[in-house]
C-alpha atoms as a PDB file:
ATOM      1  CA  UNK A   1       0.000   0.000   0.000  1.00  0.00           C
ATOM      2  CA  UNK A   2       1.171   3.545  -0.752  1.00  0.00           C
ATOM      3  CA  UNK A   3       2.529   5.428   2.240  1.00  0.00           C
ATOM      4  CA  UNK A   4       1.238   8.787   0.944  1.00  0.00           C
ATOM      5  CA  UNK A   5      -1.453  10.002  -1.443  1.00  0.00           C
ATOM      6  CA  UNK A   6      -2.349  13.450  -2.723  1.00  0.00           C
ATOM      7  CA  UNK A   7      -5.551  14.921  -1.271  1.00  0.00           C
ATOM      8  CA  UNK A   8      -6.926  15.463  -4.790  1.00  0.00           C
ATOM      9  CA  UNK A   9      -6.829  11.711  -5.450  1.00  0.00           C
ATOM     10  CA  UNK A  10      -9.816  11.283  -3.123  1.00  0.00           C
ATOM     11  CA  UNK A  11     -11.910  14.055  -4.726  1.00  0.00           C
ATOM     12  CA  UNK A  12     -15.450  12.866  -5.368  1.00  0.00           C
ATOM     13  CA  UNK A  13     -18.402  14.693  -6.905  1.00  0.00           C
ATOM     14  CA  UNK A  14     -21.963  13.385  -6.681  1.00  0.00           C
ATOM     15  CA  UNK A  15     -25.027  14.981  -8.241  1.00  0.00           C
ATOM     16  CA  UNK A  16     -28.653  14.398  -7.283  1.00  0.00           C
ATOM     17  CA  UNK A  17     -31.974  16.015  -8.219  1.00  0.00           C
ATOM     18  CA  UNK A  18     -34.474  16.817  -5.463  1.00  0.00           C
ATOM     19  CA  UNK A  19     -37.605  14.843  -6.310  1.00  0.00           C
ATOM     20  CA  UNK A  20     -41.017  14.949  -4.570  1.00  0.00           C
ATOM     21  CA  UNK A  21     -40.239  11.844  -2.482  1.00  0.00           C
ATOM     22  CA  UNK A  22     -37.109  13.620  -1.104  1.00  0.00           C
ATOM     23  CA  UNK A  23     -39.012  16.617   0.288  1.00  0.00           C
ATOM     24  CA  UNK A  24     -40.822  17.690   3.426  1.00  0.00           C
ATOM     25  CA  UNK A  25     -44.228  19.409   3.550  1.00  0.00           C
ATOM     26  CA  UNK A  26     -42.609  22.730   2.552  1.00  0.00           C
ATOM     27  CA  UNK A  27     -41.239  21.139  -0.658  1.00  0.00           C
ATOM     28  CA  UNK A  28     -37.666  21.392   0.610  1.00  0.00           C
ATOM     29  CA  UNK A  29     -35.126  18.563   0.740  1.00  0.00           C
ATOM     30  CA  UNK A  30     -35.455  16.586   3.976  1.00  0.00           C
ATOM     31  CA  UNK A  31     -32.410  16.902   6.233  1.00  0.00           C
ATOM     32  CA  UNK A  32     -32.071  13.154   6.640  1.00  0.00           C
ATOM     33  CA  UNK A  33     -31.939  12.646   2.877  1.00  0.00           C
ATOM     34  CA  UNK A  34     -29.186  15.277   2.585  1.00  0.00           C
ATOM     35  CA  UNK A  35     -27.219  13.641   5.417  1.00  0.00           C
ATOM     36  CA  UNK A  36     -27.534  10.292   3.621  1.00  0.00           C
ATOM     37  CA  UNK A  37     -26.149  11.787   0.405  1.00  0.00           C
ATOM     38  CA  UNK A  38     -23.325  13.460   2.368  1.00  0.00           C
ATOM     39  CA  UNK A  39     -22.442  10.158   4.038  1.00  0.00           C
ATOM     40  CA  UNK A  40     -22.354   8.371   0.674  1.00  0.00           C
ATOM     41  CA  UNK A  41     -20.135  10.935  -1.098  1.00  0.00           C
ATOM     42  CA  UNK A  42     -17.790  11.167   1.899  1.00  0.00           C
ATOM     43  CA  UNK A  43     -17.526   7.369   2.152  1.00  0.00           C
ATOM     44  CA  UNK A  44     -16.577   7.162  -1.527  1.00  0.00           C
ATOM     45  CA  UNK A  45     -13.832   9.789  -1.005  1.00  0.00           C
ATOM     46  CA  UNK A  46     -12.560   7.891   2.056  1.00  0.00           C
ATOM     47  CA  UNK A  47     -12.521   4.615   0.120  1.00  0.00           C
ATOM     48  CA  UNK A  48     -10.607   6.271  -2.734  1.00  0.00           C
ATOM     49  CA  UNK A  49      -7.962   7.439  -0.266  1.00  0.00           C
ATOM     50  CA  UNK A  50      -7.632   4.232   1.726  1.00  0.00           C
ATOM     51  CA  UNK A  51      -8.508   1.604  -0.888  1.00  0.00           C
ATOM     52  CA  UNK A  52     -10.332  -0.099   1.971  1.00  0.00           C
ATOM     53  CA  UNK A  53     -13.799  -0.660   3.383  1.00  0.00           C
ATOM     54  CA  UNK A  54     -14.674   2.380   5.498  1.00  0.00           C
ATOM     55  CA  UNK A  55     -17.160   3.035   8.268  1.00  0.00           C
ATOM     56  CA  UNK A  56     -18.535   6.383   9.425  1.00  0.00           C
ATOM     57  CA  UNK A  57     -17.132   7.412  12.814  1.00  0.00           C
ATOM     58  CA  UNK A  58     -18.593  10.931  13.132  1.00  0.00           C
ATOM     59  CA  UNK A  59     -20.322  13.797  11.370  1.00  0.00           C
ATOM     60  CA  UNK A  60     -19.603  17.342  12.512  1.00  0.00           C
ATOM     61  CA  UNK A  61     -21.830  20.395  12.564  1.00  0.00           C
ATOM     62  CA  UNK A  62     -24.245  19.974   9.703  1.00  0.00           C
ATOM     63  CA  UNK A  63     -26.021  23.330   9.828  1.00  0.00           C
ATOM     64  CA  UNK A  64     -29.152  23.755   7.756  1.00  0.00           C
ATOM     65  CA  UNK A  65     -28.690  27.405   6.856  1.00  0.00           C
ATOM     66  CA  UNK A  66     -30.266  27.357   3.413  1.00  0.00           C
ATOM     67  CA  UNK A  67     -33.158  25.161   2.268  1.00  0.00           C
ATOM     68  CA  UNK A  68     -32.797  23.156  -0.927  1.00  0.00           C
ATOM     69  CA  UNK A  69     -35.987  23.264  -2.990  1.00  0.00           C
ATOM     70  CA  UNK A  70     -37.874  20.651  -4.961  1.00  0.00           C
ATOM     71  CA  UNK A  71     -36.372  20.446  -8.448  1.00  0.00           C
ATOM     72  CA  UNK A  72     -32.959  21.790  -7.432  1.00  0.00           C
ATOM     73  CA  UNK A  73     -29.870  19.940  -8.580  1.00  0.00           C
ATOM     74  CA  UNK A  74     -27.649  19.163  -5.598  1.00  0.00           C
ATOM     75  CA  UNK A  75     -23.900  18.791  -6.071  1.00  0.00           C
ATOM     76  CA  UNK A  76     -21.894  17.236  -3.256  1.00  0.00           C
ATOM     77  CA  UNK A  77     -18.095  17.523  -3.319  1.00  0.00           C
ATOM     78  CA  UNK A  78     -15.987  15.516  -0.893  1.00  0.00           C
ATOM     79  CA  UNK A  79     -12.263  15.141  -0.340  1.00  0.00           C
ATOM     80  CA  UNK A  80     -10.072  13.680   2.385  1.00  0.00           C
ATOM     81  CA  UNK A  81      -8.358  16.527   4.260  1.00  0.00           C
ATOM     82  CA  UNK A  82      -6.058  14.527   6.540  1.00  0.00           C
ATOM     83  CA  UNK A  83      -5.488  10.964   7.652  1.00  0.00           C
ATOM     84  CA  UNK A  84      -4.338   9.560  10.941  1.00  0.00           C
ATOM     85  CA  UNK A  85      -3.437   5.928  11.690  1.00  0.00           C
ATOM     86  CA  UNK A  86      -6.686   4.339  10.490  1.00  0.00           C
ATOM     87  CA  UNK A  87      -9.071   7.302  10.452  1.00  0.00           C
ATOM     88  CA  UNK A  88      -9.472  10.140   8.006  1.00  0.00           C
ATOM     89  CA  UNK A  89     -11.343  13.424   7.950  1.00  0.00           C
ATOM     90  CA  UNK A  90     -13.444  14.195   4.868  1.00  0.00           C
ATOM     91  CA  UNK A  91     -14.656  17.705   3.981  1.00  0.00           C
ATOM     92  CA  UNK A  92     -17.996  17.935   2.188  1.00  0.00           C
ATOM     93  CA  UNK A  93     -19.390  20.973   0.403  1.00  0.00           C
ATOM     94  CA  UNK A  94     -22.979  20.965  -0.829  1.00  0.00           C
ATOM     95  CA  UNK A  95     -24.394  23.346  -3.415  1.00  0.00           C
ATOM     96  CA  UNK A  96     -27.885  23.659  -4.817  1.00  0.00           C
ATOM     97  CA  UNK A  97     -28.614  24.831  -8.333  1.00  0.00           C
ATOM     98  CA  UNK A  98     -31.892  26.161  -9.649  1.00  0.00           C
ATOM     99  CA  UNK A  99     -31.183  25.519 -13.323  1.00  0.00           C
ATOM    100  CA  UNK A 100     -34.158  27.458 -14.823  1.00  0.00           C
ATOM    101  CA  UNK A 101     -33.256  30.523 -12.702  1.00  0.00           C
ATOM    102  CA  UNK A 102     -29.522  30.079 -13.421  1.00  0.00           C
ATOM    103  CA  UNK A 103     -28.720  30.324  -9.672  1.00  0.00           C
ATOM    104  CA  UNK A 104     -26.325  28.208  -7.641  1.00  0.00           C
ATOM    105  CA  UNK A 105     -25.468  28.577  -3.951  1.00  0.00           C
ATOM    106  CA  UNK A 106     -23.352  26.705  -1.428  1.00  0.00           C
ATOM    107  CA  UNK A 107     -25.844  25.455   1.145  1.00  0.00           C
ATOM    108  CA  UNK A 108     -23.894  23.219   3.529  1.00  0.00           C
ATOM    109  CA  UNK A 109     -20.384  22.302   4.625  1.00  0.00           C
ATOM    110  CA  UNK A 110     -19.401  19.550   7.024  1.00  0.00           C
ATOM    111  CA  UNK A 111     -16.599  17.256   8.144  1.00  0.00           C
ATOM    112  CA  UNK A 112     -17.135  13.522   8.470  1.00  0.00           C
ATOM    113  CA  UNK A 113     -14.654  11.061   9.946  1.00  0.00           C
ATOM    114  CA  UNK A 114     -14.221   7.549   8.584  1.00  0.00           C
ATOM    115  CA  UNK A 115     -12.217   4.590   9.776  1.00  0.00           C
ATOM    116  CA  UNK A 116     -10.706   2.128   7.302  1.00  0.00           C
ATOM    117  CA  UNK A 117     -11.252  -1.489   8.325  1.00  0.00           C
ATOM    118  CA  UNK A 118     -10.134  -4.919   7.172  1.00  0.00           C
ATOM    119  CA  UNK A 119     -12.506  -7.763   6.217  1.00  0.00           C
ATOM    120  CA  UNK A 120     -13.014  -8.545   9.918  1.00  0.00           C
ATOM    121  CA  UNK A 121     -13.980  -4.974  10.770  1.00  0.00           C
ATOM    122  CA  UNK A 122     -10.701  -4.184  12.528  1.00  0.00           C
ATOM    123  CA  UNK A 123      -9.097  -0.752  11.933  1.00  0.00           C
ATOM    124  CA  UNK A 124      -6.273  -0.838   9.406  1.00  0.00           C
ATOM    125  CA  UNK A 125      -3.435   1.577   8.605  1.00  0.00           C
ATOM    126  CA  UNK A 126      -3.984   4.018   5.743  1.00  0.00           C
ATOM    127  CA  UNK A 127      -1.809   6.342   3.619  1.00  0.00           C
ATOM    128  CA  UNK A 128      -0.889   9.856   4.724  1.00  0.00           C
ATOM    129  CA  UNK A 129      -2.474  12.812   2.906  1.00  0.00           C
ATOM    130  CA  UNK A 130      -0.332  15.249   0.938  1.00  0.00           C
ATOM    131  CA  UNK A 131      -2.063  18.634   0.567  1.00  0.00           C
ATOM    132  CA  UNK A 132      -1.043  20.739  -2.430  1.00  0.00           C
ATOM    133  CA  UNK A 133      -3.330  23.765  -2.868  1.00  0.00           C
ATOM    134  CA  UNK A 134      -3.707  26.562  -0.319  1.00  0.00           C
ATOM    135  CA  UNK A 135      -7.221  25.358   0.556  1.00  0.00           C
ATOM    136  CA  UNK A 136      -6.000  21.771   1.000  1.00  0.00           C
ATOM    137  CA  UNK A 137      -3.173  22.991   3.259  1.00  0.00           C
ATOM    138  CA  UNK A 138      -5.579  25.091   5.351  1.00  0.00           C
ATOM    139  CA  UNK A 139      -7.975  22.151   5.773  1.00  0.00           C
ATOM    140  CA  UNK A 140      -5.041  19.822   6.559  1.00  0.00           C
ATOM    141  CA  UNK A 141      -3.669  22.205   9.208  1.00  0.00           C
ATOM    142  CA  UNK A 142      -7.047  22.573  10.946  1.00  0.00           C
ATOM    143  CA  UNK A 143      -7.814  18.845  10.899  1.00  0.00           C
ATOM    144  CA  UNK A 144      -5.773  18.018  13.998  1.00  0.00           C
ATOM    145  CA  UNK A 145      -7.623  20.634  16.064  1.00  0.00           C
ATOM    146  CA  UNK A 146     -10.996  19.409  14.768  1.00  0.00           C
ATOM    147  CA  UNK A 147      -9.977  15.822  15.582  1.00  0.00           C
ATOM    148  CA  UNK A 148      -8.981  16.748  19.119  1.00  0.00           C
ATOM    149  CA  UNK A 149     -12.286  18.600  19.590  1.00  0.00           C
ATOM    150  CA  UNK A 150     -14.208  15.499  18.420  1.00  0.00           C
ATOM    151  CA  UNK A 151     -12.211  13.293  20.792  1.00  0.00           C
ATOM    152  CA  UNK A 152     -12.726  15.632  23.761  1.00  0.00           C
ATOM    153  CA  UNK A 153     -16.464  15.979  23.083  1.00  0.00           C
ATOM    154  CA  UNK A 154     -16.728  12.212  22.665  1.00  0.00           C
ATOM    155  CA  UNK A 155     -14.920  11.740  26.001  1.00  0.00           C
ATOM    156  CA  UNK A 156     -12.107   9.833  24.272  1.00  0.00           C
ATOM    157  CA  UNK A 157      -9.467  12.461  25.160  1.00  0.00           C
ATOM    158  CA  UNK A 158      -8.993  14.655  28.210  1.00  0.00           C
ATOM    159  CA  UNK A 159      -9.251  18.375  27.472  1.00  0.00           C
ATOM    160  CA  UNK A 160      -5.857  19.002  29.087  1.00  0.00           C
ATOM    161  CA  UNK A 161      -4.279  16.600  26.567  1.00  0.00           C
ATOM    162  CA  UNK A 162      -5.688  18.434  23.532  1.00  0.00           C
ATOM    163  CA  UNK A 163      -2.557  20.540  22.950  1.00  0.00           C
ATOM    164  CA  UNK A 164      -3.375  21.619  19.378  1.00  0.00           C
ATOM    165  CA  UNK A 165      -6.882  22.614  20.422  1.00  0.00           C
ATOM    166  CA  UNK A 166      -5.590  24.641  23.379  1.00  0.00           C
ATOM    167  CA  UNK A 167      -3.197  26.498  21.074  1.00  0.00           C
ATOM    168  CA  UNK A 168      -6.080  28.315  19.341  1.00  0.00           C
ATOM    169  CA  UNK A 169      -7.105  29.731  22.728  1.00  0.00           C
ATOM    170  CA  UNK A 170      -3.510  30.704  23.635  1.00  0.00           C
ATOM    171  CA  UNK A 171      -3.635  28.349  26.600  1.00  0.00           C
ATOM    172  CA  UNK A 172      -0.470  26.697  27.916  1.00  0.00           C
END
């Protein structure tokens, strides 16, 4: 297995159309349907990076700031931002396009974490991520802090051990 892979190698784009069965009573995309699509596109990106079976470990801060209407075309872009021993963070950006009105807006952003596993479901080592663009480097640099925050909130790390996270608050 490769020891390192470029972030762009995991880039995945998925496109869906919002149909009546996908909507709530206001004719907007149901949140659960969007989360399903986000999980699918992120899992594909994680599989591309690891060349392994992956399982969802967490989903961070999916804020529903902008509704997505019936008939909109939804584009989901996902890419691995950073990998750790067996886990990897995936950034997802969602945009909605009203084709007849010629309007497109970014509606959601989120980070999902996946763990690569072997055929027995045991975590397995994965390649490192090499960021190239400025955006990839920025996402890569922030990934350790986001990971520590997830671990602290999930009670899997003590707050005093989250050194990268403390650094953003200028705490020693």
